[in-house]
Structures are given as C-alpha cells and as structure tokens.
Protein backbone atom coordinates (compact mmCIF):
# COMPACT_ATOMS: atom_id res chain seq x y z
CA MET A 1 102.09 70.38 90.83
CA GLU A 2 100.38 70.79 87.49
CA SER A 3 97.53 72.87 88.88
CA SER A 4 99.79 75.19 90.84
CA THR A 5 102.12 75.89 87.94
CA ALA A 6 99.42 76.27 85.31
CA GLY A 7 99.29 80.03 85.84
CA ILE A 8 103.00 80.42 85.13
CA GLU A 9 102.98 78.02 82.19
CA SER A 10 100.07 79.83 80.57
CA LEU A 11 101.73 83.16 81.28
CA GLU A 12 105.03 82.43 79.55
CA PRO A 13 103.83 82.11 75.90
CA MET A 14 102.31 85.57 75.88
CA LEU A 15 105.33 87.36 77.35
CA PRO A 16 108.02 88.70 74.99
CA SER A 17 111.64 87.68 75.02
CA SER A 18 114.42 90.23 75.24
CA GLY A 19 118.16 90.16 75.64
CA LYS A 20 119.53 89.85 79.13
CA GLN A 21 120.73 93.22 80.38
CA GLY A 22 122.58 94.19 83.48
CA TRP A 23 125.72 95.70 84.93
CA ASN A 24 126.86 92.50 86.61
CA ASN A 25 125.80 89.15 85.18
CA SER A 26 127.81 87.01 87.55
CA ASN A 27 124.68 85.70 89.28
CA PRO A 28 124.51 81.95 88.50
CA GLU A 29 120.73 82.07 88.31
CA GLN A 30 120.95 84.76 85.63
CA THR A 31 123.41 82.78 83.52
CA THR A 32 121.08 79.77 83.38
CA THR A 33 118.61 81.64 81.20
CA SER A 34 118.92 84.15 78.39
CA ARG A 35 115.33 85.29 78.41
CA SER A 36 114.06 88.38 80.21
CA ILE A 37 110.43 89.40 80.40
CA VAL A 38 108.97 92.89 80.36
CA ILE A 39 105.23 92.86 80.99
CA THR A 40 103.35 95.33 78.79
CA PRO A 41 99.91 96.84 79.62
CA ARG A 42 98.16 94.50 77.17
CA GLN A 43 99.87 91.48 78.67
CA ASP A 44 99.08 92.85 82.11
CA GLN A 45 95.35 92.64 81.32
CA GLN A 46 95.67 89.14 79.89
CA THR A 47 97.71 87.95 82.86
CA SER A 48 95.14 89.29 85.30
CA LEU A 49 92.39 87.37 83.52
CA ILE A 50 94.41 84.16 83.53
CA ARG A 51 95.57 84.33 87.14
CA LYS A 52 92.43 85.75 88.76
CA ARG A 53 90.95 83.23 91.19
CA ASN A 54 88.71 85.19 93.57
CA ASN A 55 86.42 88.23 93.73
CA PHE A 56 88.44 90.21 96.29
CA ARG A 57 88.14 93.88 95.36
CA ARG A 58 91.28 95.98 95.48
CA LEU A 59 91.43 98.29 98.50
CA VAL A 60 94.25 100.47 97.18
CA THR A 61 94.85 101.13 93.49
CA LYS A 62 98.24 100.65 91.89
CA SER A 63 98.67 104.44 91.91
CA GLY A 64 97.98 104.61 95.65
CA GLU A 65 94.39 105.86 95.65
CA SER A 66 91.97 104.43 98.20
CA ASN A 67 88.97 102.42 96.99
CA ILE A 68 87.20 102.68 100.35
CA SER A 69 83.89 104.56 100.42
CA ASN A 70 83.39 106.27 103.78
CA GLY A 71 79.69 107.00 103.29
CA GLN A 72 78.04 109.52 105.62
CA ILE A 73 80.62 111.11 107.91
CA THR A 74 79.87 113.53 110.74
CA GLY A 75 81.95 115.08 113.47
CA PRO A 76 84.82 117.55 113.80
CA GLY A 77 86.79 118.22 110.65
CA THR A 78 84.01 117.05 108.34
CA GLY A 79 82.15 120.32 107.80
CA THR A 80 81.22 121.86 104.48
CA PHE A 81 84.01 124.44 104.59
CA VAL A 82 86.71 121.84 105.29
CA GLY A 83 85.24 119.48 102.72
CA LEU A 84 85.16 122.20 100.05
CA PHE A 85 88.78 123.17 100.74
CA THR A 86 89.91 119.54 100.53
CA TRP A 87 87.92 118.98 97.34
CA LEU A 88 89.47 122.03 95.67
CA VAL A 89 92.97 120.95 96.70
CA ASP A 90 92.44 117.42 95.36
CA ALA A 91 90.58 118.53 92.21
CA LYS A 92 92.26 118.96 88.86
CA TRP A 93 93.75 122.35 88.06
CA ARG A 94 91.09 123.14 85.48
CA TRP A 95 88.33 122.81 88.09
CA THR A 96 90.27 124.79 90.67
CA GLY A 97 90.94 127.53 88.12
CA PHE A 98 87.28 127.60 87.09
CA ILE A 99 86.13 127.95 90.71
CA PHE A 100 88.79 130.61 91.29
CA PHE A 101 87.62 132.89 88.47
CA ALA A 102 83.92 132.08 88.83
CA SER A 103 83.84 132.94 92.55
CA PHE A 104 85.21 136.44 91.94
CA TYR A 105 82.94 137.18 88.98
CA LEU A 106 79.89 135.89 90.84
CA THR A 107 80.55 138.03 93.92
CA TRP A 108 81.24 141.12 91.79
CA THR A 109 78.02 140.54 89.87
CA MET A 110 75.95 139.71 92.97
CA PHE A 111 76.94 142.87 94.83
CA ALA A 112 76.55 144.93 91.65
CA VAL A 113 72.93 143.74 91.50
CA LEU A 114 72.44 144.66 95.17
CA PHE A 115 73.85 148.15 94.64
CA TRP A 116 71.71 148.56 91.53
CA LEU A 117 68.55 147.64 93.48
CA ILE A 118 69.48 150.00 96.30
CA CYS A 119 70.06 152.85 93.85
CA TYR A 120 66.89 152.00 91.92
CA PHE A 121 64.59 152.06 94.96
CA HIS A 122 66.35 155.16 96.22
CA GLY A 123 65.47 156.92 92.98
CA ASP A 124 68.98 157.52 91.76
CA PHE A 125 68.07 156.62 88.16
CA GLU A 126 65.19 159.09 87.77
CA THR A 127 66.05 161.57 85.00
CA LYS A 128 65.97 165.27 85.43
CA GLU A 129 63.02 167.25 84.15
CA SER A 130 65.33 168.90 81.68
CA GLY A 131 65.57 165.54 79.87
CA LEU A 132 69.32 165.62 79.46
CA ASP A 133 70.50 162.13 78.56
CA GLY A 134 72.71 160.47 81.10
CA ASP A 135 71.96 162.91 83.95
CA VAL A 136 70.48 161.40 87.10
CA LEU A 137 68.57 162.99 89.95
CA SER A 138 67.88 161.55 93.38
CA ASN A 139 64.62 162.19 95.21
CA SER A 140 66.71 163.14 98.23
CA SER A 141 69.62 165.50 98.60
CA GLN A 142 72.26 162.93 97.58
CA PRO A 143 72.30 159.63 95.65
CA CYS A 144 73.34 156.38 97.35
CA VAL A 145 76.34 156.04 95.02
CA GLU A 146 77.71 159.03 93.21
CA ASN A 147 78.48 158.99 89.47
CA ILE A 148 76.46 155.84 88.79
CA ARG A 149 74.57 155.85 85.48
CA ASP A 150 73.90 152.22 84.52
CA PHE A 151 74.65 148.60 85.49
CA THR A 152 78.08 148.69 83.85
CA SER A 153 79.22 151.54 86.05
CA ILE A 154 77.78 149.76 89.11
CA PHE A 155 79.66 146.55 88.19
CA LEU A 156 82.92 148.49 87.96
CA PHE A 157 82.14 150.09 91.33
CA SER A 158 81.58 146.62 92.86
CA LEU A 159 84.90 145.41 91.43
CA GLU A 160 86.70 148.47 92.87
CA ILE A 161 85.32 147.76 96.34
CA GLN A 162 86.29 144.09 96.48
CA THR A 163 89.73 144.51 94.93
CA THR A 164 90.40 147.82 96.75
CA ILE A 165 91.42 149.46 93.48
CA GLY A 166 89.68 152.70 94.41
CA PHE A 167 89.68 154.84 91.26
CA GLY A 168 87.87 157.53 93.25
CA PHE A 169 85.28 158.36 90.59
CA SER A 170 82.33 156.62 92.33
CA ARG A 171 81.70 156.49 96.06
CA VAL A 172 79.00 155.61 98.57
CA THR A 173 77.45 158.63 100.27
CA GLU A 174 76.40 158.87 103.91
CA ASP A 175 72.80 159.53 102.83
CA CYS A 176 72.08 155.79 102.22
CA ALA A 177 72.59 153.36 105.12
CA ALA A 178 71.76 150.29 103.01
CA ALA A 179 74.61 151.04 100.60
CA ILE A 180 77.03 151.49 103.51
CA VAL A 181 76.08 148.11 105.00
CA THR A 182 76.39 146.42 101.58
CA LEU A 183 79.82 147.96 101.02
CA THR A 184 81.01 146.70 104.43
CA VAL A 185 79.71 143.17 103.82
CA GLN A 186 81.34 143.00 100.38
CA ALA A 187 84.69 144.19 101.72
CA ILE A 188 84.72 141.52 104.45
CA LEU A 189 83.38 138.73 102.23
CA GLY A 190 85.83 139.59 99.47
CA THR A 191 88.76 139.33 101.89
CA ILE A 192 87.55 135.91 103.08
CA ILE A 193 87.11 134.58 99.53
CA GLU A 194 90.50 135.87 98.46
CA ALA A 195 92.26 134.32 101.47
CA PHE A 196 90.43 131.01 100.94
CA LEU A 197 91.28 130.73 97.25
CA VAL A 198 94.89 131.86 97.69
CA GLY A 199 95.24 129.17 100.36
CA VAL A 200 93.87 126.55 97.97
CA VAL A 201 96.28 127.51 95.19
CA PHE A 202 99.26 127.68 97.54
CA THR A 203 98.43 124.27 99.02
CA LYS A 204 98.16 122.73 95.55
CA LEU A 205 101.54 124.18 94.58
CA VAL A 206 103.48 122.98 97.63
CA ARG A 207 101.72 119.70 98.38
CA THR A 208 103.75 116.53 98.06
CA LYS A 209 101.37 114.59 95.82
CA TRP A 210 103.43 115.45 92.75
CA ARG A 211 106.59 114.36 94.57
CA ALA A 212 104.99 111.04 95.47
CA GLN A 213 104.17 110.40 91.82
CA ALA A 214 107.91 110.25 91.12
CA ILE A 215 108.10 107.11 93.29
CA ALA A 216 107.73 104.05 91.07
CA PHE A 217 106.77 100.57 92.26
CA SER A 218 107.10 97.44 90.18
CA GLN A 219 103.86 96.34 88.56
CA TYR A 220 104.27 92.84 89.94
CA SER A 221 105.95 91.21 92.91
CA VAL A 222 107.85 87.94 92.58
CA ILE A 223 108.61 84.94 94.76
CA CYS A 224 111.96 83.16 94.53
CA HIS A 225 114.82 81.91 96.70
CA GLN A 226 117.39 84.26 98.18
CA ASP A 227 120.02 83.31 100.77
CA GLY A 228 118.37 79.94 101.22
CA LEU A 229 114.93 81.36 102.03
CA LEU A 230 111.79 81.70 99.97
CA CYS A 231 111.24 85.44 99.58
CA LEU A 232 108.60 87.82 98.29
CA MET A 233 110.18 90.70 96.37
CA PHE A 234 109.05 93.93 94.77
CA ARG A 235 110.98 96.87 93.42
CA ILE A 236 110.91 100.59 94.19
CA ALA A 237 112.65 103.51 92.48
CA ASP A 238 112.78 107.28 92.97
CA ARG A 239 112.80 109.03 89.59
CA HIS A 240 113.11 112.57 90.97
CA THR A 241 116.34 114.54 91.30
CA SER A 242 115.59 115.73 94.85
CA ARG A 243 116.15 113.16 97.57
CA ILE A 244 113.74 111.76 100.12
CA ILE A 245 115.18 112.00 103.63
CA GLY A 246 114.37 109.39 106.26
CA ALA A 247 112.47 107.11 103.88
CA ARG A 248 110.67 104.26 105.63
CA ILE A 249 108.78 101.48 103.88
CA ARG A 250 106.29 99.03 105.31
CA ALA A 251 104.01 96.36 103.93
CA THR A 252 100.73 95.13 105.37
CA LEU A 253 98.86 91.98 104.39
CA VAL A 254 95.13 92.71 104.53
CA SER A 255 92.95 89.60 104.56
CA GLN A 256 89.31 89.80 103.56
CA THR A 257 88.31 87.86 106.69
CA ARG A 258 90.09 86.07 109.52
CA THR A 259 88.55 83.86 112.17
CA THR A 260 90.06 84.19 115.64
CA ARG A 261 90.54 81.34 118.10
CA GLU A 262 87.34 82.44 119.81
CA GLY A 263 85.42 82.08 116.55
CA HIS A 264 85.06 85.81 115.93
CA VAL A 265 85.32 86.86 112.28
CA VAL A 266 87.56 89.89 111.72
CA THR A 267 86.91 91.81 108.49
CA LEU A 268 89.90 93.29 106.66
CA ASP A 269 92.40 91.91 109.14
CA GLN A 270 95.86 93.54 108.98
CA GLN A 271 99.14 91.68 109.48
CA PRO A 272 102.53 93.40 109.03
CA LEU A 273 105.22 91.94 106.77
CA ARG A 274 108.81 92.34 107.88
CA LEU A 275 110.87 93.86 105.07
CA HIS A 276 114.55 94.10 104.25
CA PRO A 277 115.75 96.79 103.96
CA SER A 278 113.37 97.33 106.87
CA GLY A 279 111.58 100.63 107.36
CA GLU A 280 111.43 99.91 111.10
CA ASP A 281 115.15 99.51 111.75
CA SER A 282 116.81 101.94 109.37
CA ASP A 283 116.16 104.52 106.69
CA LEU A 284 115.79 103.34 103.12
CA LEU A 285 118.38 104.57 100.63
CA LEU A 286 116.70 105.53 97.36
CA LEU A 287 119.67 106.79 95.35
CA TRP A 288 119.11 103.87 92.96
CA PRO A 289 116.27 101.34 92.42
CA THR A 290 116.00 98.97 95.36
CA THR A 291 114.48 95.51 95.60
CA ILE A 292 112.50 95.13 98.81
CA VAL A 293 112.54 91.60 100.25
CA HIS A 294 110.17 89.84 102.64
CA SER A 295 111.52 86.50 103.86
CA ILE A 296 108.74 83.90 104.12
CA THR A 297 109.74 82.41 107.47
CA VAL A 298 107.61 80.80 110.16
CA GLU A 299 106.64 84.26 111.44
CA SER A 300 105.39 85.36 108.01
CA PRO A 301 101.63 85.35 107.28
CA LEU A 302 102.53 83.80 103.91
CA TYR A 303 104.29 80.81 105.47
CA GLY A 304 102.86 77.46 104.40
CA MET A 305 101.06 78.87 101.34
CA SER A 306 101.69 77.31 97.95
CA GLU A 307 101.06 79.10 94.69
CA ALA A 308 97.70 77.36 94.37
CA ASP A 309 96.77 78.35 97.94
CA MET A 310 97.75 81.94 97.26
CA MET A 311 95.67 82.12 94.10
CA GLN A 312 92.62 80.97 96.07
CA ALA A 313 93.26 83.32 99.01
CA ALA A 314 91.53 86.69 99.38
CA PHE A 315 94.13 89.18 100.51
CA GLU A 316 96.02 92.27 99.40
CA ILE A 317 99.53 93.42 100.23
CA ILE A 318 99.55 97.20 100.72
CA VAL A 319 102.96 98.90 100.50
CA THR A 320 103.55 102.37 101.95
CA LEU A 321 106.63 104.57 101.58
CA GLU A 322 106.98 107.64 103.80
CA GLY A 323 109.70 110.24 103.99
CA THR A 324 110.61 113.93 103.88
CA THR A 325 111.33 115.77 100.65
CA SER A 326 114.73 117.46 100.84
CA SER A 327 113.72 120.44 98.68
CA THR A 328 110.59 121.45 100.64
CA ASP A 329 111.16 119.69 104.00
CA MET A 330 107.60 118.36 103.80
CA SER A 331 106.54 114.78 104.42
CA THR A 332 105.42 112.70 101.46
CA GLN A 333 103.77 109.32 101.09
CA ALA A 334 103.50 106.88 98.20
CA MET A 335 101.39 103.73 98.16
CA THR A 336 100.65 100.73 95.98
CA SER A 337 99.26 97.24 96.44
CA TYR A 338 99.61 93.70 95.14
CA LEU A 339 96.85 91.14 94.77
CA PRO A 340 97.57 87.39 94.70
CA CYS A 341 97.19 87.46 90.90
CA GLU A 342 100.05 90.00 90.80
CA ILE A 343 102.52 87.76 92.64
CA LEU A 344 104.59 85.75 90.15
CA TRP A 345 106.16 82.53 91.42
CA GLY A 346 109.58 81.46 90.16
CA TYR A 347 110.76 84.81 88.79
CA ARG A 348 113.42 87.35 89.71
CA PHE A 349 113.91 91.00 88.77
CA ASP A 350 116.54 92.00 86.22
CA ASP A 351 119.31 94.40 87.18
CA MET A 352 118.55 98.05 86.39
CA ILE A 353 122.11 99.25 87.02
CA GLY A 354 123.83 99.31 83.64
CA ALA A 355 127.45 99.54 82.58
CA LYS A 356 129.42 102.60 83.58
CA SER A 357 129.05 105.62 81.32
CA ASP A 358 131.85 107.73 79.86
CA ASN A 359 132.11 109.84 83.01
CA GLY A 360 132.63 106.73 85.13
CA ARG A 361 129.22 106.72 86.81
CA PRO A 362 126.84 103.74 86.67
CA THR A 363 123.57 104.36 84.84
CA VAL A 364 120.04 103.25 85.69
CA ASP A 365 117.76 101.92 82.96
CA HIS A 366 114.23 102.64 84.22
CA SER A 367 112.73 100.77 81.26
CA LEU A 368 113.73 97.56 83.09
CA MET A 369 111.58 98.40 86.11
CA ASP A 370 109.25 95.46 85.43
CA SER A 371 111.77 93.23 83.66
CA ILE A 372 111.90 89.71 85.17
CA TYR A 373 113.35 86.33 84.27
CA PRO A 374 112.36 82.80 85.40
CA VAL A 375 114.30 80.86 88.03
CA GLY A 376 113.73 77.51 89.70
CA ILE A 377 112.30 77.39 93.22
CA THR A 378 111.72 74.62 95.73
CA ALA A 379 110.24 75.23 99.15
CA GLU A 380 109.41 72.01 100.93
CA ASP A 381 109.44 73.70 104.34
CA ASN A 382 106.94 76.28 103.10
CA GLY A 383 104.45 73.73 101.82
CA SER A 384 104.69 75.06 98.26
CA VAL A 385 105.30 72.96 95.18
CA GLU A 386 108.53 72.65 93.29
CA PHE A 387 108.73 74.82 90.19
CA ASN A 388 111.40 74.53 87.53
CA PRO A 389 111.05 76.77 84.44
CA ASP A 390 113.46 74.58 82.49
C-alpha cells in the first residue's frame, strides 16, 4: 500500500490549493474536501519526473502529432510531387509564403536568362555601325525578341509571358525557333506552377487542422469510483463556436509488447477501450465539456492492475475524436495520449459548468479544464490497493 500510493503522496505537496468551484456542489464526494488542484506546466514536469517508472517512448504527442518515423517509403502516393505538396501544406505559413514567391521569381529569372542567351547568340545585341546608344541590330532580318535592349527588359518580357499580362511592347518573332519553343515551355510551366501553388494555399486555408486545435483534452486522466465501478476518466471540450457534427470518440490501449498464448511476441499491440459516452453507439455531444468514462470491468485491458502495476507497465492510451465541421462540412480529427505516469489514482475532475449568468444561461469556465480534487477509492475486485486521501 505504501509503495503504490507514494506517487500520489509525493504529488500532493507540490500542487496548489484553490477554492472549490462548480455549478452544483451536491456531490457528497465533493463536499468531503475543500481543496481543488490545477496542475501547472512546472508542476507537470515535476510530476512526470516523480511518477515516471519505465522508458516507454510516447507514440502520440499531447497535441496529437505522431512520433513514429516511417523511414524509407516507396510505392504509390509516395512520389516527390506528392511529398512536396504534403510538405508545403503541413509547413508553417512563412515557409509556404517563401516558396510561393521564390518559385515565381526563380522561373521569371531562369527564362529571362534563357531568352537573353538566345538573343545574345542570335546577335540581337550587336550595335549598329552608326554607334547610336541603345539601338540594336540583328545579323538576320529580324531579332528573336523585338524591343529588347538589356537584361531588365528581358526580365520584364519573361514576367509578361508567365503572367499573361501582355503589354504588347515586346514580342517573339517567327525568325527564331528557339525563342518560340522557350516561350511555349514557359507558358505551360508557369500554368502548372500557378495551379500547384494555388492548390497548396487553398488546402492550407480550408484544412481542418486549425479546427482540431480548438478541441481540448485534459492534461491528465484520473481513476476513481463511479456508479460502483472503478473508472478511468478524461475530459474533452470544444472551444470553437461552430459545432462538430457526428462526433465519435475512441480510445486504444497500445502495449509495448504482448505475448500470445502461442508464445509469439506482438509489438505495439492494440486493444480498444469501451467508452461512455461511446463513440461506437451514439454521437458525442460537445456543446459543453464532457468527461469520458471507461469502466474497468473484467473485459477491460486495465482490469486487475493496481497503481503500482500500472506505473511499471509500458503502454499508452491513445484517444481519437472524429467528426464533421458544421461550417465547412469537412471531416476533422483530434488526438492525444496518456502514459501511465499521466493517470492519477484517487482523483476526480472539478465541474466546469458555473452558476447561471445574468441572461439565464450556464457558463463554462475553461480554466478548470485540468482542475481535480482527491477522493477515496477501494477496488478489491480489481486487485488495486485501497487509497484514502484523508
């Protein structure tokens, strides 16, 4: 009992006390204690150091990013073009903007150099015998590009071709086949580059990544009794004004290794956790913050594990929320994960629904997203120790 509760006992002195807040304080467990806990980033680091018991590396970050390295990938959908498009969509706006402007300037400059070389070897820059400054004379009847005097004028001509501005002052003549071919290639390539970059910018604007960032998960999950069962709980809240339609949530326990009955070792074994409200049976209502509950019954992969067992285990609980954004009608996904050191035994979440405001509507205090308070738990049928914070 002492070893299994040492993590909680060492955790309590470093966590601040705050007044109990909530819309309805009729819960008998809430009235037994007047202390609520809000874990700050500094305490989060200290708690992780205290409660860390194994070297299991996180597979999914708290923000939902994957920590899996795929290495060398070949096959359909993995080409350079697709990879570049995906990289530009996922890159920060400053890099996408830099590539956007740089690609146009580079193509304008590159084709300006090509036109300059064509005109140079065609003799378009040879001066007249009269020596008049600025006049040009071609060795043939016509120059490759009319009204071209220097590189600046050629650069402007290249820009006019690719952007189809067409001032009409300079033009390619039929006397130079190389210039005609170069003009055709630049027109086609410019259209491809423009379509590619416009597609990147449009995808970045309408993608649902920004919508998913409005989905908040609690920093920690807790284990306590509810309705006579030992339950794992975590909290989720939608901080955006637009709703998510058809929201489904699921949780998967990923073990580092699992040995089958035949003696085969399975790496990163996945076992689903049944949740309530369940994403399999009904849509999740996210009009207000919701506490998701997993009952630790005989069917649960967590059944029979005490706090000490859990701290020694190498697993990760990955939570995924999927739904459709009402404003754009596009699917969105938000993810997070919980390691054993982020599961607090003998705690319960504070209420986030505050007293009614002047207009008669209940208010949500999002600052209490990670606010918890200690409660007593006993779980003889689960094989875990008895914990009493008092």
